[in-house]
Amino acid sequence: MKIPRNKLTFCFSKYNTNKEILAVANNSPLYTELRNDIKKNGITYPLLVEDLKNGKYKVWIGNMRLAAAQKLDIKELECVVITDISPRALKNKRDELLNK
């Protein structure tokens, strides 16, 4: 489902914040490559998000794509809403999407 970018939040921990994620992303060659690919081809894999039940969604997989979308001013992103956020479930869903 398409979700407006302003409804998506980064998956923070006590070790990172929005500013820290963006700072790391902006200084990473991998991020630059990802951003250039998204600019050329769009986002090819959906983000895995959790519905926070307050109109917002937490991005569990796809934080770098979200950072790139912000930089490129992409208004909506394709997302898959998940309910099981255990590490195993996240990995299985990611692998399922990558193998389609």
N, C-alpha and C. Protein backbone atom coordinates (compact mmCIF):
# COMPACT_ATOMS: atom_id res chain seq x y z
N MET A 1 0.83 -1.18 0.00
CA MET A 1 0.00 0.00 0.00
C MET A 1 0.88 1.23 0.00
N LYS A 2 0.44 2.27 -0.66
CA LYS A 2 1.17 3.54 -0.69
C LYS A 2 0.87 4.31 0.60
N ILE A 3 1.93 4.80 1.23
CA ILE A 3 1.78 5.57 2.46
C ILE A 3 2.52 6.90 2.27
N PRO A 4 1.88 8.01 2.63
CA PRO A 4 2.57 9.30 2.52
C PRO A 4 3.84 9.30 3.37
N ARG A 5 4.89 9.89 2.81
CA ARG A 5 6.19 9.91 3.49
C ARG A 5 6.09 10.55 4.87
N ASN A 6 5.25 11.56 5.02
CA ASN A 6 5.17 12.25 6.31
C ASN A 6 4.48 11.41 7.39
N LYS A 7 3.94 10.26 7.03
CA LYS A 7 3.33 9.34 8.00
C LYS A 7 4.32 8.25 8.44
N LEU A 8 5.51 8.24 7.83
CA LEU A 8 6.52 7.21 8.12
C LEU A 8 7.56 7.76 9.08
N THR A 9 7.93 6.95 10.08
CA THR A 9 8.96 7.35 11.03
C THR A 9 10.09 6.33 11.00
N PHE A 10 11.29 6.82 11.20
CA PHE A 10 12.44 5.94 11.27
C PHE A 10 12.32 5.04 12.49
N CYS A 11 12.91 3.87 12.40
CA CYS A 11 12.97 2.95 13.53
C CYS A 11 14.14 3.38 14.41
N PHE A 12 13.83 4.10 15.46
CA PHE A 12 14.86 4.61 16.36
C PHE A 12 15.14 3.63 17.49
N SER A 13 16.30 3.77 18.02
CA SER A 13 16.64 3.06 19.25
C SER A 13 17.32 4.08 20.15
N LYS A 14 17.73 3.64 21.30
CA LYS A 14 18.44 4.58 22.18
C LYS A 14 19.80 4.96 21.60
N TYR A 15 20.21 4.26 20.53
CA TYR A 15 21.52 4.49 19.94
C TYR A 15 21.48 5.39 18.72
N ASN A 16 20.30 5.67 18.16
CA ASN A 16 20.27 6.54 17.00
C ASN A 16 19.04 7.43 17.02
N THR A 17 19.15 8.54 16.33
CA THR A 17 18.05 9.50 16.21
C THR A 17 17.89 9.83 14.74
N ASN A 18 16.85 10.55 14.42
CA ASN A 18 16.60 10.96 13.04
C ASN A 18 17.83 11.66 12.45
N LYS A 19 18.39 12.62 13.17
CA LYS A 19 19.55 13.36 12.68
C LYS A 19 20.74 12.44 12.48
N GLU A 20 20.95 11.49 13.39
CA GLU A 20 22.08 10.57 13.26
C GLU A 20 21.91 9.65 12.06
N ILE A 21 20.69 9.14 11.84
CA ILE A 21 20.45 8.27 10.67
C ILE A 21 20.75 9.04 9.39
N LEU A 22 20.24 10.27 9.30
CA LEU A 22 20.46 11.05 8.09
C LEU A 22 21.92 11.43 7.92
N ALA A 23 22.63 11.72 9.01
CA ALA A 23 24.04 12.06 8.91
C ALA A 23 24.84 10.87 8.40
N VAL A 24 24.58 9.69 8.93
CA VAL A 24 25.27 8.48 8.46
C VAL A 24 24.94 8.24 7.00
N ALA A 25 23.66 8.36 6.66
CA ALA A 25 23.23 8.12 5.28
C ALA A 25 23.92 9.09 4.33
N ASN A 26 23.98 10.36 4.69
CA ASN A 26 24.55 11.36 3.78
C ASN A 26 26.04 11.18 3.56
N ASN A 27 26.73 10.50 4.45
CA ASN A 27 28.17 10.30 4.31
C ASN A 27 28.53 8.90 3.84
N SER A 28 27.57 8.12 3.42
CA SER A 28 27.80 6.74 3.04
C SER A 28 27.78 6.57 1.52
N PRO A 29 28.84 5.97 0.95
CA PRO A 29 28.81 5.70 -0.49
C PRO A 29 27.65 4.77 -0.88
N LEU A 30 27.31 3.83 -0.01
CA LEU A 30 26.19 2.94 -0.28
C LEU A 30 24.89 3.73 -0.38
N TYR A 31 24.72 4.70 0.52
CA TYR A 31 23.53 5.55 0.49
C TYR A 31 23.49 6.37 -0.80
N THR A 32 24.63 6.92 -1.19
CA THR A 32 24.69 7.72 -2.42
C THR A 32 24.31 6.86 -3.62
N GLU A 33 24.80 5.64 -3.66
CA GLU A 33 24.46 4.73 -4.74
C GLU A 33 22.96 4.40 -4.72
N LEU A 34 22.44 4.13 -3.53
CA LEU A 34 21.01 3.84 -3.39
C LEU A 34 20.17 5.03 -3.83
N ARG A 35 20.53 6.22 -3.38
CA ARG A 35 19.78 7.43 -3.75
C ARG A 35 19.79 7.64 -5.26
N ASN A 36 20.93 7.44 -5.89
CA ASN A 36 21.02 7.60 -7.35
C ASN A 36 20.18 6.55 -8.07
N ASP A 37 20.17 5.33 -7.55
CA ASP A 37 19.35 4.27 -8.15
C ASP A 37 17.86 4.60 -8.01
N ILE A 38 17.47 5.07 -6.84
CA ILE A 38 16.06 5.44 -6.63
C ILE A 38 15.68 6.60 -7.53
N LYS A 39 16.57 7.55 -7.69
CA LYS A 39 16.29 8.69 -8.57
C LYS A 39 16.05 8.22 -10.00
N LYS A 40 16.80 7.22 -10.42
CA LYS A 40 16.70 6.70 -11.79
C LYS A 40 15.53 5.73 -11.95
N ASN A 41 15.36 4.80 -11.01
CA ASN A 41 14.42 3.68 -11.17
C ASN A 41 13.23 3.69 -10.21
N GLY A 42 13.23 4.58 -9.25
CA GLY A 42 12.20 4.55 -8.22
C GLY A 42 12.56 3.52 -7.16
N ILE A 43 11.73 3.43 -6.15
CA ILE A 43 11.95 2.44 -5.08
C ILE A 43 11.37 1.12 -5.55
N THR A 44 12.22 0.11 -5.69
CA THR A 44 11.79 -1.15 -6.29
C THR A 44 11.30 -2.17 -5.26
N TYR A 45 11.65 -2.00 -4.00
CA TYR A 45 11.18 -2.91 -2.95
C TYR A 45 10.45 -2.12 -1.89
N PRO A 46 9.30 -2.59 -1.46
CA PRO A 46 8.54 -1.84 -0.45
C PRO A 46 9.24 -1.84 0.91
N LEU A 47 8.92 -0.84 1.69
CA LEU A 47 9.41 -0.76 3.06
C LEU A 47 8.52 -1.65 3.92
N LEU A 48 9.10 -2.24 4.95
CA LEU A 48 8.32 -3.02 5.92
C LEU A 48 8.04 -2.12 7.11
N VAL A 49 6.75 -1.90 7.37
CA VAL A 49 6.36 -0.95 8.39
C VAL A 49 5.36 -1.55 9.36
N GLU A 50 5.33 -0.98 10.55
CA GLU A 50 4.37 -1.36 11.59
C GLU A 50 3.40 -0.20 11.77
N ASP A 51 2.12 -0.50 11.78
CA ASP A 51 1.08 0.51 12.03
C ASP A 51 1.10 0.84 13.52
N LEU A 52 1.40 2.08 13.85
CA LEU A 52 1.47 2.49 15.25
C LEU A 52 0.10 2.86 15.81
N LYS A 53 -0.94 2.76 14.99
CA LYS A 53 -2.33 3.00 15.40
C LYS A 53 -2.60 4.45 15.80
N ASN A 54 -1.72 5.35 15.37
CA ASN A 54 -1.92 6.78 15.64
C ASN A 54 -1.79 7.60 14.36
N GLY A 55 -1.94 6.91 13.23
CA GLY A 55 -1.79 7.57 11.94
C GLY A 55 -0.36 7.54 11.42
N LYS A 56 0.55 6.99 12.20
CA LYS A 56 1.96 6.90 11.81
C LYS A 56 2.35 5.43 11.65
N TYR A 57 3.45 5.23 10.91
CA TYR A 57 3.99 3.90 10.67
C TYR A 57 5.48 3.91 10.96
N LYS A 58 5.96 2.92 11.71
CA LYS A 58 7.38 2.78 12.01
C LYS A 58 8.02 1.90 10.94
N VAL A 59 9.10 2.41 10.34
CA VAL A 59 9.82 1.66 9.31
C VAL A 59 10.80 0.72 9.99
N TRP A 60 10.56 -0.58 9.83
CA TRP A 60 11.48 -1.57 10.39
C TRP A 60 12.55 -1.96 9.39
N ILE A 61 12.18 -2.08 8.14
CA ILE A 61 13.17 -2.36 7.08
C ILE A 61 12.92 -1.36 5.97
N GLY A 62 13.95 -0.55 5.69
CA GLY A 62 13.86 0.44 4.63
C GLY A 62 14.20 1.85 5.08
N ASN A 63 14.89 1.99 6.21
CA ASN A 63 15.22 3.32 6.71
C ASN A 63 16.10 4.11 5.75
N MET A 64 17.04 3.46 5.08
CA MET A 64 17.89 4.16 4.11
C MET A 64 17.05 4.60 2.90
N ARG A 65 16.09 3.77 2.48
CA ARG A 65 15.20 4.17 1.38
C ARG A 65 14.33 5.35 1.80
N LEU A 66 13.89 5.36 3.06
CA LEU A 66 13.12 6.49 3.57
C LEU A 66 13.99 7.75 3.57
N ALA A 67 15.23 7.65 4.00
CA ALA A 67 16.14 8.80 3.99
C ALA A 67 16.33 9.31 2.56
N ALA A 68 16.50 8.40 1.61
CA ALA A 68 16.65 8.79 0.21
C ALA A 68 15.38 9.45 -0.30
N ALA A 69 14.23 8.91 0.07
CA ALA A 69 12.95 9.49 -0.35
C ALA A 69 12.80 10.91 0.16
N GLN A 70 13.25 11.15 1.38
CA GLN A 70 13.20 12.51 1.93
C GLN A 70 14.08 13.43 1.10
N LYS A 71 15.29 12.97 0.82
CA LYS A 71 16.24 13.78 0.06
C LYS A 71 15.72 14.07 -1.36
N LEU A 72 15.04 13.08 -1.95
CA LEU A 72 14.53 13.23 -3.31
C LEU A 72 13.11 13.79 -3.36
N ASP A 73 12.55 14.10 -2.20
CA ASP A 73 11.21 14.66 -2.07
C ASP A 73 10.14 13.76 -2.69
N ILE A 74 10.27 12.46 -2.46
CA ILE A 74 9.25 11.49 -2.89
C ILE A 74 8.12 11.56 -1.87
N LYS A 75 6.91 11.77 -2.34
CA LYS A 75 5.78 12.04 -1.45
C LYS A 75 5.13 10.80 -0.86
N GLU A 76 5.10 9.68 -1.62
CA GLU A 76 4.48 8.44 -1.15
C GLU A 76 5.43 7.27 -1.42
N LEU A 77 5.40 6.30 -0.51
CA LEU A 77 6.25 5.13 -0.67
C LEU A 77 5.42 3.87 -0.56
N GLU A 78 5.77 2.89 -1.37
CA GLU A 78 5.11 1.59 -1.30
C GLU A 78 5.59 0.88 -0.03
N CYS A 79 4.64 0.40 0.75
CA CYS A 79 4.96 -0.24 2.03
C CYS A 79 4.15 -1.52 2.20
N VAL A 80 4.70 -2.41 3.00
CA VAL A 80 3.98 -3.60 3.45
C VAL A 80 3.82 -3.46 4.95
N VAL A 81 2.58 -3.46 5.41
CA VAL A 81 2.30 -3.33 6.84
C VAL A 81 2.40 -4.72 7.46
N ILE A 82 3.20 -4.82 8.51
CA ILE A 82 3.42 -6.10 9.19
C ILE A 82 2.93 -5.99 10.63
N THR A 83 2.57 -7.14 11.18
CA THR A 83 2.13 -7.16 12.58
C THR A 83 3.15 -7.86 13.47
N ASP A 84 3.86 -8.83 12.92
CA ASP A 84 4.88 -9.56 13.69
C ASP A 84 6.22 -8.90 13.41
N ILE A 85 6.79 -8.24 14.43
CA ILE A 85 8.05 -7.52 14.24
C ILE A 85 9.22 -8.25 14.88
N SER A 86 9.06 -9.55 15.11
CA SER A 86 10.18 -10.32 15.64
C SER A 86 11.28 -10.37 14.57
N PRO A 87 12.54 -10.49 14.98
CA PRO A 87 13.63 -10.53 14.00
C PRO A 87 13.43 -11.61 12.94
N ARG A 88 12.97 -12.77 13.32
CA ARG A 88 12.76 -13.86 12.36
C ARG A 88 11.68 -13.50 11.35
N ALA A 89 10.57 -12.94 11.82
CA ALA A 89 9.47 -12.57 10.93
C ALA A 89 9.89 -11.47 9.96
N LEU A 90 10.64 -10.49 10.46
CA LEU A 90 11.13 -9.42 9.60
C LEU A 90 12.05 -9.97 8.51
N LYS A 91 12.97 -10.85 8.90
CA LYS A 91 13.88 -11.44 7.93
C LYS A 91 13.11 -12.26 6.89
N ASN A 92 12.15 -13.07 7.35
CA ASN A 92 11.38 -13.90 6.43
C ASN A 92 10.59 -13.06 5.44
N LYS A 93 9.98 -11.98 5.91
CA LYS A 93 9.19 -11.11 5.03
C LYS A 93 10.09 -10.40 4.04
N ARG A 94 11.23 -9.92 4.52
CA ARG A 94 12.20 -9.26 3.62
C ARG A 94 12.65 -10.23 2.54
N ASP A 95 13.02 -11.43 2.93
CA ASP A 95 13.47 -12.43 1.97
C ASP A 95 12.37 -12.77 0.96
N GLU A 96 11.14 -12.89 1.44
CA GLU A 96 10.00 -13.17 0.57
C GLU A 96 9.85 -12.08 -0.50
N LEU A 97 9.95 -10.83 -0.08
CA LEU A 97 9.80 -9.71 -1.01
C LEU A 97 10.96 -9.64 -2.01
N LEU A 98 12.15 -9.94 -1.55
CA LEU A 98 13.33 -9.89 -2.43
C LEU A 98 13.31 -11.00 -3.47
N ASN A 99 12.64 -12.11 -3.16
CA ASN A 99 12.61 -13.26 -4.08
C ASN A 99 11.43 -13.24 -5.03
N LYS A 100 10.61 -12.20 -5.01
CA LYS A 100 9.46 -12.12 -5.92
C LYS A 100 9.91 -11.73 -7.30
